[in-house]
Amino acid sequence: MLDVIFFRTETGREPVREWLSNFDEEEGNIIDLDIRVVAEYWPQVLQTNLVKKMTGEEHLWEIRSRISAGKRTARILFTLERQRMILLHGFIKKSRKTPRKDLRLARRRRDLSKSRSE
């Protein structure tokens, strides 16, 4: 089982936790459950549609949560360090391709997280 950690900025903010607080209770519960399933069943969960390795990215995966009765998809990009799943960035996916700005932000946070743990 992986420990779930929220990425923390240098000022102490937890952007993914803040993003999650914007959802209503039902959607928040769906996303929370998906995070817990990934943490509990890693790496077997890679064989499902719930989580996917980001193509061409080193140490970057995404959790795909279907919300709003399946009409929207919330994505959380995360990295792994030892037995920790670090939640880096969350967004609502509106197109097939992950927006570059979201990938850049997740990469930057991944690199910051890695440099702090070294």
PDB file of N, CA and C in Angstrom:
ATOM      1  N   MET A   1       0.837  -1.188   0.000  1.00  0.00           N
ATOM      2  CA  MET A   1       0.000   0.000   0.000  1.00  0.00           C
ATOM      3  C   MET A   1       0.881   1.250   0.000  1.00  0.00           C
ATOM      4  N   LEU A   2       0.469   2.234  -0.790  1.00  0.00           N
ATOM      5  CA  LEU A   2       1.195   3.500  -0.861  1.00  0.00           C
ATOM      6  C   LEU A   2       0.613   4.496   0.136  1.00  0.00           C
ATOM      7  N   ASP A   3       1.481   5.322   0.703  1.00  0.00           N
ATOM      8  CA  ASP A   3       1.018   6.456   1.507  1.00  0.00           C
ATOM      9  C   ASP A   3       0.658   7.582   0.546  1.00  0.00           C
ATOM     10  N   VAL A   4      -0.462   8.251   0.793  1.00  0.00           N
ATOM     11  CA  VAL A   4      -0.894   9.366  -0.052  1.00  0.00           C
ATOM     12  C   VAL A   4      -0.414  10.669   0.581  1.00  0.00           C
ATOM     13  N   ILE A   5       0.326  11.448  -0.210  1.00  0.00           N
ATOM     14  CA  ILE A   5       0.889  12.717   0.244  1.00  0.00           C
ATOM     15  C   ILE A   5       0.440  13.807  -0.730  1.00  0.00           C
ATOM     16  N   PHE A   6       0.008  14.932  -0.200  1.00  0.00           N
ATOM     17  CA  PHE A   6      -0.313  16.081  -1.039  1.00  0.00           C
ATOM     18  C   PHE A   6       0.948  16.920  -1.209  1.00  0.00           C
ATOM     19  N   PHE A   7       1.281  17.236  -2.465  1.00  0.00           N
ATOM     20  CA  PHE A   7       2.411  18.125  -2.723  1.00  0.00           C
ATOM     21  C   PHE A   7       2.166  19.431  -1.983  1.00  0.00           C
ATOM     22  N   ARG A   8       3.212  19.936  -1.335  1.00  0.00           N
ATOM     23  CA  ARG A   8       3.115  21.190  -0.581  1.00  0.00           C
ATOM     24  C   ARG A   8       4.090  22.202  -1.182  1.00  0.00           C
ATOM     25  N   THR A   9       3.574  23.403  -1.451  1.00  0.00           N
ATOM     26  CA  THR A   9       4.432  24.470  -1.975  1.00  0.00           C
ATOM     27  C   THR A   9       5.339  24.983  -0.865  1.00  0.00           C
ATOM     28  N   GLU A  10       6.286  25.820  -1.242  1.00  0.00           N
ATOM     29  CA  GLU A  10       7.200  26.382  -0.246  1.00  0.00           C
ATOM     30  C   GLU A  10       6.477  27.270   0.760  1.00  0.00           C
ATOM     31  N   THR A  11       5.306  27.788   0.382  1.00  0.00           N
ATOM     32  CA  THR A  11       4.524  28.625   1.305  1.00  0.00           C
ATOM     33  C   THR A  11       3.545  27.799   2.137  1.00  0.00           C
ATOM     34  N   GLY A  12       3.568  26.471   1.955  1.00  0.00           N
ATOM     35  CA  GLY A  12       2.722  25.592   2.753  1.00  0.00           C
ATOM     36  C   GLY A  12       1.368  25.260   2.152  1.00  0.00           C
ATOM     37  N   ARG A  13       1.075  25.773   0.973  1.00  0.00           N
ATOM     38  CA  ARG A  13      -0.194  25.454   0.308  1.00  0.00           C
ATOM     39  C   ARG A  13      -0.163  24.023  -0.225  1.00  0.00           C
ATOM     40  N   GLU A  14      -1.328  23.402  -0.273  1.00  0.00           N
ATOM     41  CA  GLU A  14      -1.487  22.076  -0.869  1.00  0.00           C
ATOM     42  C   GLU A  14      -2.477  22.214  -2.026  1.00  0.00           C
ATOM     43  N   PRO A  15      -1.972  22.508  -3.241  1.00  0.00           N
ATOM     44  CA  PRO A  15      -2.848  22.828  -4.373  1.00  0.00           C
ATOM     45  C   PRO A  15      -3.881  21.751  -4.713  1.00  0.00           C
ATOM     46  N   VAL A  16      -3.517  20.485  -4.628  1.00  0.00           N
ATOM     47  CA  VAL A  16      -4.485  19.440  -4.972  1.00  0.00           C
ATOM     48  C   VAL A  16      -5.586  19.380  -3.913  1.00  0.00           C
ATOM     49  N   ARG A  17      -5.228  19.493  -2.649  1.00  0.00           N
ATOM     50  CA  ARG A  17      -6.241  19.499  -1.585  1.00  0.00           C
ATOM     51  C   ARG A  17      -7.197  20.687  -1.778  1.00  0.00           C
ATOM     52  N   GLU A  18      -6.640  21.854  -2.124  1.00  0.00           N
ATOM     53  CA  GLU A  18      -7.468  23.039  -2.375  1.00  0.00           C
ATOM     54  C   GLU A  18      -8.398  22.806  -3.563  1.00  0.00           C
ATOM     55  N   TRP A  19      -7.874  22.216  -4.630  1.00  0.00           N
ATOM     56  CA  TRP A  19      -8.670  21.918  -5.826  1.00  0.00           C
ATOM     57  C   TRP A  19      -9.804  20.963  -5.478  1.00  0.00           C
ATOM     58  N   LEU A  20      -9.501  19.940  -4.685  1.00  0.00           N
ATOM     59  CA  LEU A  20     -10.522  18.961  -4.299  1.00  0.00           C
ATOM     60  C   LEU A  20     -11.639  19.594  -3.477  1.00  0.00           C
ATOM     61  N   SER A  21     -11.335  20.621  -2.723  1.00  0.00           N
ATOM     62  CA  SER A  21     -12.352  21.257  -1.877  1.00  0.00           C
ATOM     63  C   SER A  21     -13.408  21.995  -2.695  1.00  0.00           C
ATOM     64  N   ASN A  22     -13.172  22.185  -3.990  1.00  0.00           N
ATOM     65  CA  ASN A  22     -14.135  22.872  -4.852  1.00  0.00           C
ATOM     66  C   ASN A  22     -15.256  21.965  -5.354  1.00  0.00           C
ATOM     67  N   PHE A  23     -15.125  20.662  -5.163  1.00  0.00           N
ATOM     68  CA  PHE A  23     -16.141  19.730  -5.646  1.00  0.00           C
ATOM     69  C   PHE A  23     -17.249  19.573  -4.623  1.00  0.00           C
ATOM     70  N   ASP A  24     -18.439  19.219  -5.113  1.00  0.00           N
ATOM     71  CA  ASP A  24     -19.505  18.924  -4.159  1.00  0.00           C
ATOM     72  C   ASP A  24     -19.192  17.594  -3.477  1.00  0.00           C
ATOM     73  N   GLU A  25     -19.969  17.249  -2.470  1.00  0.00           N
ATOM     74  CA  GLU A  25     -19.662  16.066  -1.657  1.00  0.00           C
ATOM     75  C   GLU A  25     -19.622  14.782  -2.487  1.00  0.00           C
ATOM     76  N   GLU A  26     -20.585  14.606  -3.378  1.00  0.00           N
ATOM     77  CA  GLU A  26     -20.645  13.378  -4.179  1.00  0.00           C
ATOM     78  C   GLU A  26     -19.411  13.230  -5.070  1.00  0.00           C
ATOM     79  N   GLU A  27     -19.068  14.288  -5.795  1.00  0.00           N
ATOM     80  CA  GLU A  27     -17.898  14.222  -6.678  1.00  0.00           C
ATOM     81  C   GLU A  27     -16.613  14.069  -5.870  1.00  0.00           C
ATOM     82  N   GLY A  28     -16.519  14.787  -4.765  1.00  0.00           N
ATOM     83  CA  GLY A  28     -15.343  14.674  -3.901  1.00  0.00           C
ATOM     84  C   GLY A  28     -15.159  13.264  -3.378  1.00  0.00           C
ATOM     85  N   ASN A  29     -16.271  12.615  -3.016  1.00  0.00           N
ATOM     86  CA  ASN A  29     -16.198  11.234  -2.525  1.00  0.00           C
ATOM     87  C   ASN A  29     -15.721  10.275  -3.609  1.00  0.00           C
ATOM     88  N   ILE A  30     -16.167  10.488  -4.846  1.00  0.00           N
ATOM     89  CA  ILE A  30     -15.738   9.634  -5.966  1.00  0.00           C
ATOM     90  C   ILE A  30     -14.225   9.759  -6.163  1.00  0.00           C
ATOM     91  N   ILE A  31     -13.742  10.988  -6.200  1.00  0.00           N
ATOM     92  CA  ILE A  31     -12.310  11.221  -6.415  1.00  0.00           C
ATOM     93  C   ILE A  31     -11.498  10.653  -5.255  1.00  0.00           C
ATOM     94  N   ASP A  32     -11.971  10.886  -4.028  1.00  0.00           N
ATOM     95  CA  ASP A  32     -11.279  10.366  -2.841  1.00  0.00           C
ATOM     96  C   ASP A  32     -11.189   8.841  -2.886  1.00  0.00           C
ATOM     97  N   LEU A  33     -12.278   8.191  -3.251  1.00  0.00           N
ATOM     98  CA  LEU A  33     -12.277   6.729  -3.344  1.00  0.00           C
ATOM     99  C   LEU A  33     -11.282   6.258  -4.403  1.00  0.00           C
ATOM    100  N   ASP A  34     -11.255   6.926  -5.549  1.00  0.00           N
ATOM    101  CA  ASP A  34     -10.318   6.542  -6.606  1.00  0.00           C
ATOM    102  C   ASP A  34      -8.866   6.669  -6.140  1.00  0.00           C
ATOM    103  N   ILE A  35      -8.556   7.727  -5.403  1.00  0.00           N
ATOM    104  CA  ILE A  35      -7.202   7.900  -4.867  1.00  0.00           C
ATOM    105  C   ILE A  35      -6.869   6.738  -3.933  1.00  0.00           C
ATOM    106  N   ARG A  36      -7.814   6.397  -3.056  1.00  0.00           N
ATOM    107  CA  ARG A  36      -7.569   5.317  -2.096  1.00  0.00           C
ATOM    108  C   ARG A  36      -7.420   3.968  -2.791  1.00  0.00           C
ATOM    109  N   VAL A  37      -8.190   3.726  -3.851  1.00  0.00           N
ATOM    110  CA  VAL A  37      -8.078   2.465  -4.599  1.00  0.00           C
ATOM    111  C   VAL A  37      -6.692   2.360  -5.236  1.00  0.00           C
ATOM    112  N   VAL A  38      -6.217   3.437  -5.843  1.00  0.00           N
ATOM    113  CA  VAL A  38      -4.884   3.415  -6.460  1.00  0.00           C
ATOM    114  C   VAL A  38      -3.819   3.137  -5.401  1.00  0.00           C
ATOM    115  N   ALA A  39      -3.912   3.813  -4.268  1.00  0.00           N
ATOM    116  CA  ALA A  39      -2.923   3.619  -3.197  1.00  0.00           C
ATOM    117  C   ALA A  39      -2.960   2.195  -2.652  1.00  0.00           C
ATOM    118  N   GLU A  40      -4.149   1.654  -2.499  1.00  0.00           N
ATOM    119  CA  GLU A  40      -4.320   0.318  -1.906  1.00  0.00           C
ATOM    120  C   GLU A  40      -3.865  -0.795  -2.856  1.00  0.00           C
ATOM    121  N   TYR A  41      -4.161  -0.647  -4.138  1.00  0.00           N
ATOM    122  CA  TYR A  41      -3.935  -1.746  -5.081  1.00  0.00           C
ATOM    123  C   TYR A  41      -2.785  -1.495  -6.060  1.00  0.00           C
ATOM    124  N   TRP A  42      -1.891  -0.582  -5.724  1.00  0.00           N
ATOM    125  CA  TRP A  42      -0.712  -0.345  -6.565  1.00  0.00           C
ATOM    126  C   TRP A  42       0.213  -1.542  -6.478  1.00  0.00           C
ATOM    127  N   PRO A  43       0.754  -2.068  -7.538  1.00  0.00           N
ATOM    128  CA  PRO A  43       0.705  -1.649  -8.933  1.00  0.00           C
ATOM    129  C   PRO A  43      -0.349  -2.385  -9.766  1.00  0.00           C
ATOM    130  N   GLN A  44      -1.096  -3.309  -9.150  1.00  0.00           N
ATOM    131  CA  GLN A  44      -2.099  -4.066  -9.907  1.00  0.00           C
ATOM    132  C   GLN A  44      -3.115  -3.153 -10.602  1.00  0.00           C
ATOM    133  N   VAL A  45      -3.398  -2.001  -9.999  1.00  0.00           N
ATOM    134  CA  VAL A  45      -4.388  -1.075 -10.544  1.00  0.00           C
ATOM    135  C   VAL A  45      -3.971  -0.522 -11.909  1.00  0.00           C
ATOM    136  N   LEU A  46      -2.691  -0.673 -12.273  1.00  0.00           N
ATOM    137  CA  LEU A  46      -2.226  -0.228 -13.592  1.00  0.00           C
ATOM    138  C   LEU A  46      -2.905  -0.987 -14.725  1.00  0.00           C
ATOM    139  N   GLN A  47      -3.484  -2.131 -14.410  1.00  0.00           N
ATOM    140  CA  GLN A  47      -4.161  -2.935 -15.429  1.00  0.00           C
ATOM    141  C   GLN A  47      -5.597  -2.471 -15.660  1.00  0.00           C
ATOM    142  N   THR A  48      -6.023  -1.401 -14.995  1.00  0.00           N
ATOM    143  CA  THR A  48      -7.386  -0.882 -15.136  1.00  0.00           C
ATOM    144  C   THR A  48      -7.363   0.458 -15.870  1.00  0.00           C
ATOM    145  N   ASN A  49      -8.554   0.998 -16.118  1.00  0.00           N
ATOM    146  CA  ASN A  49      -8.659   2.319 -16.745  1.00  0.00           C
ATOM    147  C   ASN A  49      -8.594   3.457 -15.734  1.00  0.00           C
ATOM    148  N   LEU A  50      -8.487   3.134 -14.459  1.00  0.00           N
ATOM    149  CA  LEU A  50      -8.480   4.155 -13.414  1.00  0.00           C
ATOM    150  C   LEU A  50      -7.175   4.945 -13.375  1.00  0.00           C
ATOM    151  N   VAL A  51      -6.080   4.297 -13.715  1.00  0.00           N
ATOM    152  CA  VAL A  51      -4.776   4.968 -13.639  1.00  0.00           C
ATOM    153  C   VAL A  51      -3.959   4.627 -14.875  1.00  0.00           C
ATOM    154  N   LYS A  52      -3.138   5.582 -15.291  1.00  0.00           N
ATOM    155  CA  LYS A  52      -2.324   5.362 -16.486  1.00  0.00           C
ATOM    156  C   LYS A  52      -1.002   6.107 -16.350  1.00  0.00           C
ATOM    157  N   LYS A  53       0.052   5.490 -16.853  1.00  0.00           N
ATOM    158  CA  LYS A  53       1.362   6.145 -16.933  1.00  0.00           C
ATOM    159  C   LYS A  53       1.273   7.195 -18.026  1.00  0.00           C
ATOM    160  N   MET A  54       1.788   8.373 -17.761  1.00  0.00           N
ATOM    161  CA  MET A  54       1.780   9.434 -18.765  1.00  0.00           C
ATOM    162  C   MET A  54       2.826   9.105 -19.832  1.00  0.00           C
ATOM    163  N   THR A  55       2.394   9.012 -21.057  1.00  0.00           N
ATOM    164  CA  THR A  55       3.257   8.647 -22.172  1.00  0.00           C
ATOM    165  C   THR A  55       4.416   9.631 -22.301  1.00  0.00           C
ATOM    166  N   GLY A  56       5.621   9.078 -22.363  1.00  0.00           N
ATOM    167  CA  GLY A  56       6.809   9.898 -22.551  1.00  0.00           C
ATOM    168  C   GLY A  56       7.259  10.652 -21.313  1.00  0.00           C
ATOM    169  N   GLU A  57       6.630  10.382 -20.192  1.00  0.00           N
ATOM    170  CA  GLU A  57       6.967  11.092 -18.951  1.00  0.00           C
ATOM    171  C   GLU A  57       7.607  10.132 -17.960  1.00  0.00           C
ATOM    172  N   GLU A  58       8.653  10.595 -17.316  1.00  0.00           N
ATOM    173  CA  GLU A  58       9.327   9.788 -16.312  1.00  0.00           C
ATOM    174  C   GLU A  58       8.680  10.026 -14.952  1.00  0.00           C
ATOM    175  N   HIS A  59       8.264   8.947 -14.308  1.00  0.00           N
ATOM    176  CA  HIS A  59       7.706   9.002 -12.955  1.00  0.00           C
ATOM    177  C   HIS A  59       6.482   9.910 -12.854  1.00  0.00           C
ATOM    178  N   LEU A  60       5.568   9.810 -13.830  1.00  0.00           N
ATOM    179  CA  LEU A  60       4.357  10.622 -13.799  1.00  0.00           C
ATOM    180  C   LEU A  60       3.177   9.767 -14.263  1.00  0.00           C
ATOM    181  N   TRP A  61       2.152   9.678 -13.411  1.00  0.00           N
ATOM    182  CA  TRP A  61       0.950   8.906 -13.697  1.00  0.00           C
ATOM    183  C   TRP A  61      -0.264   9.797 -13.496  1.00  0.00           C
ATOM    184  N   GLU A  62      -1.421   9.330 -13.988  1.00  0.00           N
ATOM    185  CA  GLU A  62      -2.653  10.074 -13.750  1.00  0.00           C
ATOM    186  C   GLU A  62      -3.753   9.151 -13.255  1.00  0.00           C
ATOM    187  N   ILE A  63      -4.548   9.677 -12.331  1.00  0.00           N
ATOM    188  CA  ILE A  63      -5.767   9.014 -11.868  1.00  0.00           C
ATOM    189  C   ILE A  63      -6.903   9.646 -12.657  1.00  0.00           C
ATOM    190  N   ARG A  64      -7.801   8.806 -13.193  1.00  0.00           N
ATOM    191  CA  ARG A  64      -8.920   9.280 -14.009  1.00  0.00           C
ATOM    192  C   ARG A  64     -10.227   9.005 -13.282  1.00  0.00           C
ATOM    193  N   SER A  65     -10.835  10.033 -12.757  1.00  0.00           N
ATOM    194  CA  SER A  65     -12.088   9.884 -12.014  1.00  0.00           C
ATOM    195  C   SER A  65     -13.252  10.401 -12.848  1.00  0.00           C
ATOM    196  N   ARG A  66     -14.231   9.541 -13.075  1.00  0.00           N
ATOM    197  CA  ARG A  66     -15.438   9.929 -13.816  1.00  0.00           C
ATOM    198  C   ARG A  66     -16.415  10.547 -12.827  1.00  0.00           C
ATOM    199  N   ILE A  67     -16.775  11.807 -13.054  1.00  0.00           N
ATOM    200  CA  ILE A  67     -17.692  12.512 -12.162  1.00  0.00           C
ATOM    201  C   ILE A  67     -18.856  13.094 -12.964  1.00  0.00           C
ATOM    202  N   SER A  68     -19.798  13.705 -12.283  1.00  0.00           N
ATOM    203  CA  SER A  68     -20.983  14.295 -12.931  1.00  0.00           C
ATOM    204  C   SER A  68     -21.700  13.250 -13.774  1.00  0.00           C
ATOM    205  N   ALA A  69     -21.985  12.101 -13.146  1.00  0.00           N
ATOM    206  CA  ALA A  69     -22.662  10.987 -13.827  1.00  0.00           C
ATOM    207  C   ALA A  69     -21.912  10.572 -15.088  1.00  0.00           C
ATOM    208  N   GLY A  70     -20.592  10.605 -15.025  1.00  0.00           N
ATOM    209  CA  GLY A  70     -19.766  10.167 -16.146  1.00  0.00           C
ATOM    210  C   GLY A  70     -19.575  11.201 -17.232  1.00  0.00           C
ATOM    211  N   LYS A  71     -20.094  12.408 -17.046  1.00  0.00           N
ATOM    212  CA  LYS A  71     -20.004  13.438 -18.085  1.00  0.00           C
ATOM    213  C   LYS A  71     -18.681  14.198 -18.072  1.00  0.00           C
ATOM    214  N   ARG A  72     -17.984  14.168 -16.940  1.00  0.00           N
ATOM    215  CA  ARG A  72     -16.702  14.881 -16.829  1.00  0.00           C
ATOM    216  C   ARG A  72     -15.656  13.934 -16.255  1.00  0.00           C
ATOM    217  N   THR A  73     -14.400  14.237 -16.542  1.00  0.00           N
ATOM    218  CA  THR A  73     -13.311  13.439 -16.001  1.00  0.00           C
ATOM    219  C   THR A  73     -12.349  14.340 -15.242  1.00  0.00           C
ATOM    220  N   ALA A  74     -12.208  14.055 -13.948  1.00  0.00           N
ATOM    221  CA  ALA A  74     -11.221  14.754 -13.124  1.00  0.00           C
ATOM    222  C   ALA A  74      -9.927  13.960 -13.208  1.00  0.00           C
ATOM    223  N   ARG A  75      -8.826  14.665 -13.370  1.00  0.00           N
ATOM    224  CA  ARG A  75      -7.525  14.007 -13.454  1.00  0.00           C
ATOM    225  C   ARG A  75      -6.631  14.512 -12.334  1.00  0.00           C
ATOM    226  N   ILE A  76      -5.904  13.592 -11.741  1.00  0.00           N
ATOM    227  CA  ILE A  76      -4.889  13.963 -10.759  1.00  0.00           C
ATOM    228  C   ILE A  76      -3.575  13.358 -11.219  1.00  0.00           C
ATOM    229  N   LEU A  77      -2.595  14.214 -11.443  1.00  0.00           N
ATOM    230  CA  LEU A  77      -1.267  13.755 -11.825  1.00  0.00           C
ATOM    231  C   LEU A  77      -0.463  13.535 -10.551  1.00  0.00           C
ATOM    232  N   PHE A  78       0.261  12.416 -10.515  1.00  0.00           N
ATOM    233  CA  PHE A  78       1.035  12.087  -9.320  1.00  0.00           C
ATOM    234  C   PHE A  78       2.356  11.437  -9.685  1.00  0.00           C
ATOM    235  N   THR A  79       3.251  11.395  -8.712  1.00  0.00           N
ATOM    236  CA  THR A  79       4.534  10.726  -8.852  1.00  0.00           C
ATOM    237  C   THR A  79       4.698   9.773  -7.679  1.00  0.00           C
ATOM    238  N   LEU A  80       5.665   8.892  -7.782  1.00  0.00           N
ATOM    239  CA  LEU A  80       5.961   7.955  -6.700  1.00  0.00           C
ATOM    240  C   LEU A  80       7.373   8.197  -6.193  1.00  0.00           C
ATOM    241  N   GLU A  81       7.507   8.199  -4.896  1.00  0.00           N
ATOM    242  CA  GLU A  81       8.817   8.246  -4.241  1.00  0.00           C
ATOM    243  C   GLU A  81       8.777   7.212  -3.139  1.00  0.00           C
ATOM    244  N   ARG A  82       9.608   6.193  -3.277  1.00  0.00           N
ATOM    245  CA  ARG A  82       9.590   5.060  -2.369  1.00  0.00           C
ATOM    246  C   ARG A  82       8.160   4.507  -2.301  1.00  0.00           C
ATOM    247  N   GLN A  83       7.543   4.471  -1.167  1.00  0.00           N
ATOM    248  CA  GLN A  83       6.171   3.943  -1.041  1.00  0.00           C
ATOM    249  C   GLN A  83       5.162   5.070  -0.852  1.00  0.00           C
ATOM    250  N   ARG A  84       5.459   6.221  -1.462  1.00  0.00           N
ATOM    251  CA  ARG A  84       4.577   7.377  -1.330  1.00  0.00           C
ATOM    252  C   ARG A  84       4.043   7.803  -2.689  1.00  0.00           C
ATOM    253  N   MET A  85       2.735   8.045  -2.747  1.00  0.00           N
ATOM    254  CA  MET A  85       2.091   8.596  -3.934  1.00  0.00           C
ATOM    255  C   MET A  85       1.897  10.083  -3.657  1.00  0.00           C
ATOM    256  N   ILE A  86       2.608  10.929  -4.391  1.00  0.00           N
ATOM    257  CA  ILE A  86       2.553  12.366  -4.159  1.00  0.00           C
ATOM    258  C   ILE A  86       1.641  12.996  -5.206  1.00  0.00           C
ATOM    259  N   LEU A  87       0.519  13.548  -4.738  1.00  0.00           N
ATOM    260  CA  LEU A  87      -0.469  14.164  -5.623  1.00  0.00           C
ATOM    261  C   LEU A  87       0.025  15.553  -6.007  1.00  0.00           C
ATOM    262  N   LEU A  88       0.293  15.746  -7.303  1.00  0.00           N
ATOM    263  CA  LEU A  88       0.962  16.954  -7.779  1.00  0.00           C
ATOM    264  C   LEU A  88       0.020  18.017  -8.325  1.00  0.00           C
ATOM    265  N   HIS A  89      -0.985  17.589  -9.101  1.00  0.00           N
ATOM    266  CA  HIS A  89      -1.827  18.564  -9.805  1.00  0.00           C
ATOM    267  C   HIS A  89      -3.151  17.921 -10.182  1.00  0.00           C
ATOM    268  N   GLY A  90      -4.229  18.672 -10.043  1.00  0.00           N
ATOM    269  CA  GLY A  90      -5.547  18.193 -10.434  1.00  0.00           C
ATOM    270  C   GLY A  90      -6.200  19.152 -11.410  1.00  0.00           C
ATOM    271  N   PHE A  91      -6.974  18.597 -12.348  1.00  0.00           N
ATOM    272  CA  PHE A  91      -7.685  19.422 -13.324  1.00  0.00           C
ATOM    273  C   PHE A  91      -8.823  18.612 -13.937  1.00  0.00           C
ATOM    274  N   ILE A  92      -9.744  19.314 -14.591  1.00  0.00           N
ATOM    275  CA  ILE A  92     -10.817  18.661 -15.341  1.00  0.00           C
ATOM    276  C   ILE A  92     -10.350  18.570 -16.783  1.00  0.00           C
ATOM    277  N   LYS A  93     -10.345  17.370 -17.305  1.00  0.00           N
ATOM    278  CA  LYS A  93      -9.879  17.165 -18.676  1.00  0.00           C
ATOM    279  C   LYS A  93     -11.015  17.484 -19.639  1.00  0.00           C
ATOM    280  N   LYS A  94     -10.718  18.343 -20.610  1.00  0.00           N
ATOM    281  CA  LYS A  94     -11.741  18.785 -21.559  1.00  0.00           C
ATOM    282  C   LYS A  94     -11.465  18.322 -22.985  1.00  0.00           C
ATOM    283  N   SER A  95     -10.291  17.737 -23.213  1.00  0.00           N
ATOM    284  CA  SER A  95      -9.949  17.251 -24.552  1.00  0.00           C
ATOM    285  C   SER A  95      -9.193  15.936 -24.410  1.00  0.00           C
ATOM    286  N   ARG A  96      -8.955  15.281 -25.532  1.00  0.00           N
ATOM    287  CA  ARG A  96      -8.257  13.990 -25.488  1.00  0.00           C
ATOM    288  C   ARG A  96      -6.836  14.125 -24.957  1.00  0.00           C
ATOM    289  N   LYS A  97      -6.175  15.181 -25.331  1.00  0.00           N
ATOM    290  CA  LYS A  97      -4.773  15.354 -24.968  1.00  0.00           C
ATOM    291  C   LYS A  97      -4.655  16.175 -23.681  1.00  0.00           C
ATOM    292  N   THR A  98      -3.730  15.763 -22.818  1.00  0.00           N
ATOM    293  CA  THR A  98      -3.490  16.514 -21.585  1.00  0.00           C
ATOM    294  C   THR A  98      -2.861  17.857 -21.944  1.00  0.00           C
ATOM    295  N   PRO A  99      -3.461  18.956 -21.483  1.00  0.00           N
ATOM    296  CA  PRO A  99      -2.912  20.280 -21.809  1.00  0.00           C
ATOM    297  C   PRO A  99      -1.458  20.425 -21.358  1.00  0.00           C
ATOM    298  N   ARG A 100      -0.657  21.073 -22.190  1.00  0.00           N
ATOM    299  CA  ARG A 100       0.772  21.247 -21.907  1.00  0.00           C
ATOM    300  C   ARG A 100       1.015  21.970 -20.591  1.00  0.00           C
ATOM    301  N   LYS A 101       0.191  22.994 -20.308  1.00  0.00           N
ATOM    302  CA  LYS A 101       0.412  23.763 -19.075  1.00  0.00           C
ATOM    303  C   LYS A 101       0.218  22.885 -17.846  1.00  0.00           C
ATOM    304  N   ASP A 102      -0.721  21.939 -17.912  1.00  0.00           N
ATOM    305  CA  ASP A 102      -0.941  21.031 -16.787  1.00  0.00           C
ATOM    306  C   ASP A 102       0.232  20.063 -16.631  1.00  0.00           C
ATOM    307  N   LEU A 103       0.746  19.571 -17.752  1.00  0.00           N
ATOM    308  CA  LEU A 103       1.913  18.685 -17.706  1.00  0.00           C
ATOM    309  C   LEU A 103       3.146  19.415 -17.180  1.00  0.00           C
ATOM    310  N   ARG A 104       3.362  20.645 -17.653  1.00  0.00           N
ATOM    311  CA  ARG A 104       4.520  21.426 -17.187  1.00  0.00           C
ATOM    312  C   ARG A 104       4.463  21.652 -15.683  1.00  0.00           C
ATOM    313  N   LEU A 105       3.282  21.996 -15.186  1.00  0.00           N
ATOM    314  CA  LEU A 105       3.127  22.245 -13.758  1.00  0.00           C
ATOM    315  C   LEU A 105       3.402  20.975 -12.953  1.00  0.00           C
ATOM    316  N   ALA A 106       2.870  19.839 -13.418  1.00  0.00           N
ATOM    317  CA  ALA A 106       3.101  18.568 -12.721  1.00  0.00           C
ATOM    318  C   ALA A 106       4.583  18.197 -12.744  1.00  0.00           C
ATOM    319  N   ARG A 107       5.238  18.394 -13.876  1.00  0.00           N
ATOM    320  CA  ARG A 107       6.682  18.109 -13.961  1.00  0.00           C
ATOM    321  C   ARG A 107       7.465  18.967 -12.981  1.00  0.00           C
ATOM    322  N   ARG A 108       7.144  20.255 -12.939  1.00  0.00           N
ATOM    323  CA  ARG A 108       7.854  21.180 -12.049  1.00  0.00           C
ATOM    324  C   ARG A 108       7.672  20.754 -10.589  1.00  0.00           C
ATOM    325  N   ARG A 109       6.454  20.405 -10.223  1.00  0.00           N
ATOM    326  CA  ARG A 109       6.192  19.970  -8.848  1.00  0.00           C
ATOM    327  C   ARG A 109       6.860  18.632  -8.552  1.00  0.00           C
ATOM    328  N   ARG A 110       6.870  17.721  -9.530  1.00  0.00           N
ATOM    329  CA  ARG A 110       7.563  16.438  -9.347  1.00  0.00           C
ATOM    330  C   ARG A 110       9.040  16.674  -9.074  1.00  0.00           C
ATOM    331  N   ASP A 111       9.657  17.535  -9.880  1.00  0.00           N
ATOM    332  CA  ASP A 111      11.082  17.811  -9.723  1.00  0.00           C
ATOM    333  C   ASP A 111      11.374  18.492  -8.383  1.00  0.00           C
ATOM    334  N   LEU A 112      10.508  19.404  -7.972  1.00  0.00           N
ATOM    335  CA  LEU A 112      10.662  20.056  -6.662  1.00  0.00           C
ATOM    336  C   LEU A 112      10.560  19.039  -5.538  1.00  0.00           C
ATOM    337  N   SER A 113       9.582  18.167  -5.643  1.00  0.00           N
ATOM    338  CA  SER A 113       9.377  17.142  -4.616  1.00  0.00           C
ATOM    339  C   SER A 113      10.589  16.230  -4.521  1.00  0.00           C
ATOM    340  N   LYS A 114      11.112  15.837  -5.676  1.00  0.00           N
ATOM    341  CA  LYS A 114      12.280  14.953  -5.704  1.00  0.00           C
ATOM    342  C   LYS A 114      13.499  15.639  -5.092  1.00  0.00           C
ATOM    343  N   SER A 115      13.710  16.905  -5.430  1.00  0.00           N
ATOM    344  CA  SER A 115      14.884  17.616  -4.906  1.00  0.00           C
ATOM    345  C   SER A 115      14.791  17.808  -3.394  1.00  0.00           C
ATOM    346  N   ARG A 116      13.597  17.940  -2.865  1.00  0.00           N
ATOM    347  CA  ARG A 116      13.421  18.090  -1.415  1.00  0.00           C
ATOM    348  C   ARG A 116      13.732  16.802  -0.670  1.00  0.00           C
ATOM    349  N   SER A 117      13.483  15.668  -1.320  1.00  0.00           N
ATOM    350  CA  SER A 117      13.662  14.382  -0.633  1.00  0.00           C
ATOM    351  C   SER A 117      15.084  13.838  -0.748  1.00  0.00           C
ATOM    352  N   GLU A 118      15.903  14.470  -1.551  1.00  0.00           N
ATOM    353  CA  GLU A 118      17.284  13.987  -1.732  1.00  0.00           C
ATOM    354  C   GLU A 118      18.194  14.467  -0.631  1.00  0.00           C
TER     355      GLU A 118
END
